[in-house]
Amino acid sequence: MDKKLWQWLTGNDTFLKVAYWFIKDKIECIHAVYARSSPKSLVWVVTRRGVMTRHDCVRFSLFCTLQVEDGLTDERSLEVIHSLAGWLAGTVTRDEMRKTAMAAEAAASHLYAVMDMDAYYAARVAACAASVAVTVTAGACGSVCYYTSCVAVKAVGSAAQKVQADWIRKNIPFESLDFKLKG
């Protein structure tokens, strides 16, 4: 953009007001989506790459795992709950979490092999949740977090998604989310 034009625009009160209202409208629109969208849409939006912090992704994945806790029949899958809580508290290392994730994945694979599908889906949630904490990039953990949510819904039914959305609205403030305001 031409330097003189930019100076005129930024020095022009009308331009600044229009720019302010444009940005304000986008933020209000995103806030409205957060506050009033369907559970499925809300979970999809906040688990997009880079919207939630890694810490919030792990918290949400732990919540999804707790939704299926009654279906966890293998100790390796149950260990995920304690390990995620420890990871959030800072008492479990990334290497310990990685071992837990691999053990939970093995448990899920075993349950699939013996065709215990109810237990498999619950174990799959635990394995995915553990993977969220050890995902290499913070941005990618959102995708794994979304998958964890979807498998939890498959494991315990569609009502789980409303509970997940309510949990997000209650525990993850809108202001902590990083919505990219792109053109």
Protein backbone atom coordinates (compact mmCIF):
# COMPACT_ATOMS: atom_id res chain seq x y z
CA MET A 1 0.00 0.00 0.00
CA ASP A 2 1.21 3.49 -0.78
CA LYS A 3 2.79 5.17 2.26
CA LYS A 4 0.86 8.44 1.81
CA LEU A 5 -2.43 6.59 1.45
CA TRP A 6 -1.70 4.59 4.62
CA GLN A 7 -0.87 7.78 6.53
CA TRP A 8 -4.10 9.39 5.34
CA LEU A 9 -6.17 6.31 6.23
CA THR A 10 -4.70 5.90 9.72
CA GLY A 11 -4.97 9.63 10.35
CA ASN A 12 -8.57 9.65 9.15
CA ASP A 13 -11.03 9.26 12.03
CA THR A 14 -13.72 7.75 9.77
CA PHE A 15 -11.39 4.99 8.57
CA LEU A 16 -10.42 4.12 12.13
CA LYS A 17 -14.08 3.92 13.17
CA VAL A 18 -14.94 1.67 10.22
CA ALA A 19 -11.91 -0.55 10.93
CA TYR A 20 -12.87 -0.75 14.62
CA TRP A 21 -16.48 -1.72 13.85
CA PHE A 22 -15.37 -4.27 11.26
CA ILE A 23 -13.04 -6.01 13.75
CA LYS A 24 -15.57 -5.67 16.58
CA ASP A 25 -18.27 -7.29 14.41
CA LYS A 26 -16.01 -10.26 13.58
CA ILE A 27 -15.17 -10.79 17.25
CA GLU A 28 -18.84 -10.52 18.27
CA CYS A 29 -19.76 -13.00 15.53
CA ILE A 30 -17.18 -15.52 16.78
CA HIS A 31 -18.34 -14.98 20.36
CA ALA A 32 -21.94 -15.64 19.27
CA VAL A 33 -20.86 -18.90 17.63
CA TYR A 34 -19.12 -19.90 20.86
CA ALA A 35 -22.12 -19.01 23.00
CA ARG A 36 -24.99 -20.31 20.84
CA SER A 37 -23.76 -22.92 18.37
CA SER A 38 -24.86 -26.52 18.39
CA PRO A 39 -22.75 -28.89 20.49
CA LYS A 40 -21.31 -30.57 17.38
CA SER A 41 -20.35 -27.22 15.83
CA LEU A 42 -18.83 -25.88 19.04
CA VAL A 43 -16.64 -28.94 19.56
CA TRP A 44 -15.55 -28.76 15.92
CA VAL A 45 -14.74 -25.03 16.09
CA VAL A 46 -12.71 -25.03 19.31
CA THR A 47 -10.71 -28.13 18.37
CA ARG A 48 -9.45 -26.61 15.12
CA ARG A 49 -5.68 -26.37 14.83
CA GLY A 50 -4.28 -23.77 17.19
CA VAL A 51 -7.57 -22.55 18.72
CA MET A 52 -7.12 -24.21 22.13
CA THR A 53 -3.84 -24.37 24.01
CA ARG A 54 -2.20 -27.78 24.45
CA HIS A 55 -3.11 -27.63 28.14
CA ASP A 56 -6.80 -27.06 27.34
CA CYS A 57 -6.73 -29.83 24.71
CA VAL A 58 -5.38 -32.24 27.33
CA ARG A 59 -7.99 -31.11 29.88
CA PHE A 60 -10.77 -31.64 27.33
CA SER A 61 -9.37 -35.04 26.30
CA LEU A 62 -9.23 -36.08 29.95
CA PHE A 63 -12.89 -35.06 30.27
CA CYS A 64 -13.76 -37.18 27.22
CA THR A 65 -11.92 -40.12 28.79
CA LEU A 66 -13.85 -39.67 32.02
CA GLN A 67 -17.07 -39.87 29.97
CA VAL A 68 -16.16 -43.44 28.97
CA GLU A 69 -14.48 -44.50 32.23
CA ASP A 70 -17.16 -47.10 32.99
CA GLY A 71 -16.34 -48.84 29.70
CA LEU A 72 -12.60 -49.01 30.32
CA THR A 73 -11.93 -52.66 31.08
CA ASP A 74 -8.16 -52.78 30.65
CA GLU A 75 -5.75 -51.41 33.28
CA ARG A 76 -3.60 -49.87 30.53
CA SER A 77 -6.54 -47.74 29.45
CA LEU A 78 -7.48 -46.81 33.01
CA GLU A 79 -3.90 -45.65 33.62
CA VAL A 80 -4.45 -42.88 31.05
CA ILE A 81 -6.76 -41.04 33.47
CA HIS A 82 -4.10 -40.93 36.18
CA SER A 83 -1.32 -40.10 33.73
CA LEU A 84 -3.24 -37.23 32.12
CA ALA A 85 -4.06 -35.80 35.54
CA GLY A 86 -0.39 -36.10 36.43
CA TRP A 87 0.68 -34.50 33.15
CA LEU A 88 -1.63 -31.56 33.84
CA ALA A 89 -0.20 -31.24 37.36
CA GLY A 90 3.36 -31.47 36.04
CA THR A 91 4.22 -34.73 37.81
CA VAL A 92 4.23 -36.97 34.71
CA THR A 93 6.91 -36.46 32.06
CA ARG A 94 6.41 -36.54 28.32
CA ASP A 95 8.27 -39.88 28.13
CA GLU A 96 6.05 -41.41 30.82
CA MET A 97 3.00 -40.10 28.97
CA ARG A 98 4.29 -41.56 25.70
CA LYS A 99 4.64 -45.00 27.35
CA THR A 100 1.11 -44.73 28.71
CA ALA A 101 -0.17 -43.76 25.25
CA MET A 102 1.53 -46.76 23.63
CA ALA A 103 0.17 -49.13 26.30
CA ALA A 104 -3.36 -47.72 25.86
CA GLU A 105 -3.05 -48.12 22.08
CA ALA A 106 -2.02 -51.76 22.59
CA ALA A 107 -5.05 -52.28 24.84
CA ALA A 108 -7.37 -50.81 22.22
CA SER A 109 -5.81 -52.98 19.49
CA HIS A 110 -6.28 -56.10 21.60
CA LEU A 111 -9.94 -55.29 22.27
CA TYR A 112 -10.50 -54.72 18.55
CA ALA A 113 -8.84 -58.05 17.75
CA VAL A 114 -11.19 -59.91 20.10
CA MET A 115 -14.15 -57.91 18.72
CA ASP A 116 -15.22 -56.38 22.04
CA MET A 117 -16.39 -53.22 20.32
CA ASP A 118 -17.89 -51.40 23.31
CA ALA A 119 -14.68 -51.80 25.28
CA TYR A 120 -12.66 -51.02 22.13
CA TYR A 121 -14.27 -47.59 21.64
CA ALA A 122 -13.75 -46.68 25.29
CA ALA A 123 -10.11 -47.82 25.10
CA ARG A 124 -9.68 -45.91 21.83
CA VAL A 125 -10.80 -42.70 23.59
CA ALA A 126 -8.18 -43.28 26.29
CA ALA A 127 -5.46 -43.97 23.72
CA CYS A 128 -6.34 -40.83 21.75
CA ALA A 129 -6.49 -38.73 24.89
CA ALA A 130 -3.03 -39.89 25.90
CA SER A 131 -1.78 -39.05 22.42
CA VAL A 132 -2.97 -35.45 22.78
CA ALA A 133 -0.40 -34.84 25.51
CA VAL A 134 2.49 -36.21 23.45
CA THR A 135 1.56 -34.83 20.03
CA VAL A 136 4.61 -33.13 18.59
CA THR A 137 3.06 -29.73 17.82
CA ALA A 138 0.54 -27.81 19.89
CA GLY A 139 -1.49 -27.09 16.75
CA ALA A 140 -1.83 -30.75 15.82
CA CYS A 141 -3.11 -31.71 19.26
CA GLY A 142 -6.41 -29.98 18.41
CA SER A 143 -7.05 -32.48 15.61
CA VAL A 144 -6.34 -35.43 17.90
CA CYS A 145 -8.51 -33.77 20.55
CA TYR A 146 -11.43 -33.58 18.08
CA TYR A 147 -10.98 -37.25 17.17
CA THR A 148 -11.00 -38.12 20.89
CA SER A 149 -14.30 -36.28 21.25
CA CYS A 150 -15.84 -38.08 18.26
CA VAL A 151 -14.81 -41.51 19.50
CA ALA A 152 -16.26 -40.70 22.94
CA VAL A 153 -19.57 -39.84 21.25
CA LYS A 154 -19.38 -43.16 19.37
CA ALA A 155 -18.68 -44.97 22.65
CA VAL A 156 -21.40 -43.49 24.85
CA GLY A 157 -23.92 -41.93 22.47
CA SER A 158 -24.77 -38.59 20.93
CA ALA A 159 -25.83 -37.04 24.26
CA ALA A 160 -22.12 -37.01 25.12
CA GLN A 161 -21.54 -34.19 22.65
CA LYS A 162 -23.91 -31.83 24.47
CA VAL A 163 -22.13 -32.63 27.73
CA GLN A 164 -18.78 -31.95 26.02
CA ALA A 165 -20.00 -28.59 24.66
CA ASP A 166 -21.32 -27.61 28.09
CA TRP A 167 -17.96 -28.57 29.61
CA ILE A 168 -16.11 -26.42 27.06
CA ARG A 169 -18.33 -23.39 27.71
CA LYS A 170 -17.90 -23.80 31.48
CA ASN A 171 -14.16 -24.60 31.63
CA ILE A 172 -12.52 -22.88 28.67
CA PRO A 173 -13.21 -19.14 28.57
CA PHE A 174 -13.82 -17.63 25.15
CA GLU A 175 -11.01 -15.14 25.79
CA SER A 176 -8.44 -17.95 26.08
CA LEU A 177 -9.21 -19.27 22.59
CA ASP A 178 -7.09 -18.12 19.66
CA PHE A 179 -9.43 -17.54 16.73
CA LYS A 180 -7.46 -16.32 13.74
CA LEU A 181 -9.24 -13.32 12.25
CA LYS A 182 -8.38 -13.88 8.60
CA GLY A 183 -9.92 -11.93 5.73
